[in-house]
N, C-alpha and C. Protein backbone atom coordinates (compact mmCIF):
# COMPACT_ATOMS: atom_id res chain seq x y z
N UNK A 1 0.81 -1.26 0.08
CA UNK A 1 0.18 0.04 0.06
C UNK A 1 0.85 1.30 0.04
N UNK A 2 0.42 2.20 -0.84
CA UNK A 2 1.40 3.32 -1.00
C UNK A 2 0.68 4.45 -0.06
N UNK A 3 1.54 4.91 0.70
CA UNK A 3 1.16 6.29 1.65
C UNK A 3 1.72 7.44 0.96
N UNK A 4 0.71 8.58 0.88
CA UNK A 4 1.23 9.82 0.50
C UNK A 4 0.97 11.03 1.15
N UNK A 5 1.47 12.08 1.23
CA UNK A 5 1.30 13.04 2.09
C UNK A 5 0.04 13.79 1.68
N UNK A 6 -0.66 14.64 2.44
CA UNK A 6 -1.81 15.46 1.91
C UNK A 6 -1.67 16.28 0.89
N UNK A 7 -0.46 16.88 0.90
CA UNK A 7 0.02 17.83 -0.03
C UNK A 7 0.07 17.11 -1.50
N UNK A 8 0.70 15.90 -1.41
CA UNK A 8 0.96 15.12 -2.59
C UNK A 8 -0.44 14.70 -3.21
N UNK A 9 -1.34 14.30 -2.06
CA UNK A 9 -2.62 13.90 -2.32
C UNK A 9 -3.42 14.78 -3.21
N UNK A 10 -3.51 16.09 -2.74
CA UNK A 10 -3.97 17.23 -3.37
C UNK A 10 -3.38 17.21 -4.79
N UNK A 11 -2.30 17.29 -4.79
CA UNK A 11 -1.54 17.32 -6.37
C UNK A 11 -1.95 16.34 -7.39
N UNK A 12 -2.24 15.19 -6.74
CA UNK A 12 -2.56 13.99 -7.58
C UNK A 12 -3.99 14.20 -7.93
N UNK A 13 -5.00 14.62 -7.01
CA UNK A 13 -6.39 14.82 -7.38
C UNK A 13 -6.47 15.83 -8.46
N UNK A 14 -5.66 17.07 -8.26
CA UNK A 14 -5.86 18.19 -9.21
C UNK A 14 -5.28 17.81 -10.41
N UNK A 15 -4.23 16.90 -10.58
CA UNK A 15 -3.79 16.46 -11.85
C UNK A 15 -4.79 15.54 -12.53
N UNK A 16 -5.54 14.73 -11.65
CA UNK A 16 -6.54 13.91 -12.42
C UNK A 16 -7.71 14.67 -12.98
N UNK A 17 -8.20 15.76 -11.90
CA UNK A 17 -9.20 16.44 -12.51
C UNK A 17 -8.82 17.30 -13.87
N UNK A 18 -7.69 17.88 -13.86
CA UNK A 18 -7.19 18.55 -14.85
C UNK A 18 -7.07 17.62 -16.28
N UNK A 19 -6.53 16.26 -16.25
CA UNK A 19 -6.31 15.59 -17.22
C UNK A 19 -7.69 14.78 -17.73
N UNK A 20 -8.60 14.44 -16.75
CA UNK A 20 -9.85 13.93 -17.17
C UNK A 20 -11.01 14.87 -17.34
N UNK A 21 -10.84 16.06 -16.96
CA UNK A 21 -11.90 17.05 -17.08
C UNK A 21 -13.11 16.83 -16.39
N UNK A 22 -12.92 16.12 -15.12
CA UNK A 22 -14.07 15.94 -14.14
C UNK A 22 -14.34 17.25 -13.50
N UNK A 23 -15.66 17.40 -13.49
CA UNK A 23 -16.12 18.59 -13.08
C UNK A 23 -17.14 18.50 -12.10
N UNK A 24 -17.60 17.30 -11.54
CA UNK A 24 -18.26 17.07 -10.43
C UNK A 24 -17.92 15.67 -9.69
N UNK A 25 -18.33 15.69 -8.47
CA UNK A 25 -18.07 14.48 -7.57
C UNK A 25 -18.75 13.37 -8.18
N UNK A 26 -18.17 12.27 -8.67
CA UNK A 26 -18.74 11.29 -9.32
C UNK A 26 -19.70 10.40 -8.24
N UNK A 27 -19.53 10.49 -7.10
CA UNK A 27 -20.41 10.00 -6.11
C UNK A 27 -21.74 10.69 -5.95
N UNK A 28 -21.62 12.09 -6.34
CA UNK A 28 -22.85 12.82 -6.21
C UNK A 28 -23.69 12.57 -7.25
N UNK A 29 -23.24 12.13 -8.53
CA UNK A 29 -23.68 11.72 -9.63
C UNK A 29 -24.21 10.59 -9.56
N UNK A 30 -24.16 9.61 -8.73
CA UNK A 30 -24.62 8.32 -8.82
C UNK A 30 -25.97 8.11 -8.23
N UNK A 31 -26.53 8.72 -7.68
CA UNK A 31 -27.91 8.68 -7.21
C UNK A 31 -28.78 10.00 -7.35
N UNK A 32 -29.99 9.80 -7.23
CA UNK A 32 -30.83 11.09 -7.56
C UNK A 32 -30.81 12.07 -6.59
N UNK A 33 -30.75 13.31 -7.03
CA UNK A 33 -30.77 14.39 -5.91
C UNK A 33 -32.03 14.61 -5.48
N UNK A 34 -32.12 15.18 -4.12
CA UNK A 34 -33.38 15.81 -3.49
C UNK A 34 -33.62 17.24 -4.09
N UNK A 35 -32.88 17.80 -4.66
CA UNK A 35 -32.99 19.26 -5.08
C UNK A 35 -34.17 19.31 -6.19
N UNK A 36 -34.45 20.47 -6.25
CA UNK A 36 -35.73 20.75 -7.44
C UNK A 36 -35.03 21.56 -8.66
N UNK A 37 -35.49 21.48 -9.65
CA UNK A 37 -35.01 21.99 -10.73
C UNK A 37 -36.13 23.19 -11.34
N UNK A 38 -35.73 24.32 -11.58
CA UNK A 38 -36.74 25.27 -11.77
C UNK A 38 -37.02 25.13 -13.14
N UNK A 39 -38.29 25.69 -13.56
CA UNK A 39 -38.87 25.68 -14.90
C UNK A 39 -37.91 26.20 -15.88
N UNK A 40 -37.38 27.19 -15.67
CA UNK A 40 -36.31 27.87 -16.62
C UNK A 40 -35.28 26.82 -16.85
N UNK A 41 -34.68 26.22 -15.80
CA UNK A 41 -33.63 25.11 -16.21
C UNK A 41 -34.22 23.93 -17.04
N UNK A 42 -35.48 23.53 -16.56
CA UNK A 42 -36.14 22.45 -17.48
C UNK A 42 -36.27 22.82 -18.93
N UNK A 43 -36.83 24.03 -19.09
CA UNK A 43 -36.90 24.66 -20.37
C UNK A 43 -35.70 24.63 -21.10
N UNK A 44 -34.57 25.05 -20.60
CA UNK A 44 -33.17 24.95 -21.09
C UNK A 44 -32.72 23.81 -21.53
N UNK A 45 -32.89 22.80 -20.59
CA UNK A 45 -32.45 21.45 -20.95
C UNK A 45 -33.20 20.85 -22.04
N UNK A 46 -34.35 21.42 -22.21
CA UNK A 46 -35.32 20.77 -23.32
C UNK A 46 -34.80 21.24 -24.60
N UNK A 47 -34.55 22.53 -24.64
CA UNK A 47 -33.98 23.25 -25.84
C UNK A 47 -32.57 22.63 -26.19
N UNK A 48 -31.80 22.45 -25.27
CA UNK A 48 -30.48 21.82 -25.41
C UNK A 48 -30.67 20.54 -26.26
N UNK A 49 -31.71 19.71 -25.67
CA UNK A 49 -32.05 18.29 -26.22
C UNK A 49 -32.58 18.31 -27.63
N UNK A 50 -33.35 19.27 -27.71
CA UNK A 50 -33.94 19.59 -29.19
C UNK A 50 -32.86 19.92 -30.24
N UNK A 51 -31.84 20.82 -29.87
CA UNK A 51 -30.73 21.23 -30.72
C UNK A 51 -29.83 20.08 -30.93
N UNK A 52 -29.59 19.50 -29.76
CA UNK A 52 -28.49 18.37 -30.02
C UNK A 52 -29.10 17.23 -31.03
N UNK A 53 -30.53 16.93 -30.92
CA UNK A 53 -31.13 15.89 -31.73
C UNK A 53 -31.18 16.48 -33.26
N UNK A 54 -31.55 18.02 -33.49
CA UNK A 54 -31.48 18.54 -34.81
C UNK A 54 -30.26 18.29 -35.47
N UNK A 55 -29.17 18.59 -34.71
CA UNK A 55 -27.68 18.46 -35.13
C UNK A 55 -27.42 17.04 -35.52
N UNK A 56 -27.90 16.06 -34.68
CA UNK A 56 -27.64 14.68 -35.06
C UNK A 56 -28.21 14.22 -36.31
N UNK A 57 -29.54 14.72 -36.50
CA UNK A 57 -30.22 14.46 -37.36
C UNK A 57 -29.52 15.08 -38.73
N UNK A 58 -29.17 16.31 -38.69
CA UNK A 58 -28.50 17.03 -39.91
C UNK A 58 -27.24 16.36 -40.27
N UNK A 59 -26.50 15.70 -39.40
CA UNK A 59 -25.18 14.96 -39.63
C UNK A 59 -25.54 13.67 -40.32
N UNK A 60 -26.71 13.08 -39.81
CA UNK A 60 -27.01 11.66 -40.35
C UNK A 60 -27.34 11.88 -41.79
N UNK A 61 -28.16 12.78 -42.02
CA UNK A 61 -28.58 13.15 -43.46
C UNK A 61 -27.45 13.53 -44.35
N UNK A 62 -26.34 14.22 -43.83
CA UNK A 62 -25.41 14.63 -44.74
C UNK A 62 -24.58 13.27 -44.88
N UNK A 63 -24.46 12.46 -43.91
CA UNK A 63 -23.61 11.28 -44.18
C UNK A 63 -24.48 10.31 -45.33
N UNK A 64 -25.53 10.33 -45.21
CA UNK A 64 -26.58 9.56 -46.17
C UNK A 64 -26.27 10.27 -47.46
N UNK A 65 -26.46 11.48 -47.71
CA UNK A 65 -26.26 12.07 -48.95
C UNK A 65 -25.04 11.78 -49.49
N UNK A 66 -23.92 11.77 -48.58
CA UNK A 66 -22.69 11.35 -49.19
C UNK A 66 -22.33 9.96 -49.77
N UNK A 67 -23.09 9.22 -48.85
CA UNK A 67 -23.10 7.68 -49.25
C UNK A 67 -23.72 7.55 -50.46
N UNK A 68 -24.96 8.19 -50.63
CA UNK A 68 -25.71 7.87 -51.82
C UNK A 68 -25.16 8.44 -53.01
N UNK A 69 -24.45 9.64 -52.87
CA UNK A 69 -23.78 10.11 -54.22
C UNK A 69 -22.57 9.39 -54.43
N UNK A 70 -21.85 8.88 -53.55
CA UNK A 70 -20.76 7.98 -54.14
C UNK A 70 -21.16 6.75 -54.56
N UNK A 71 -22.32 6.10 -53.94
CA UNK A 71 -22.74 4.96 -54.59
C UNK A 71 -23.31 5.15 -55.94
N UNK A 72 -23.88 6.10 -56.25
CA UNK A 72 -24.62 6.32 -57.41
C UNK A 72 -23.46 6.61 -58.57
N UNK A 73 -22.32 7.06 -58.12
CA UNK A 73 -21.21 7.50 -59.03
C UNK A 73 -20.53 6.12 -59.51
N UNK A 74 -20.55 5.14 -58.70
CA UNK A 74 -20.06 3.81 -58.97
C UNK A 74 -21.01 2.92 -59.55
N UNK A 75 -22.51 3.21 -59.34
CA UNK A 75 -23.34 2.45 -59.88
C UNK A 75 -23.87 2.36 -61.24
């Protein structure tokens, strides 16, 4: 078992967060919270989901157009 000092521990944790991009405590994300979400936040989340879905559909359509244009060039 490796024992490290408190300063070294903080350095290791900071490095992990910096390299992995962790922004929240993983334990806090593991279970539902007891907090309430405002209507404005719910609306913003729904807008984000809609925009993300629209972008995903656009990318899929662009890939399909590319595929079919290549397929028809060789067909």
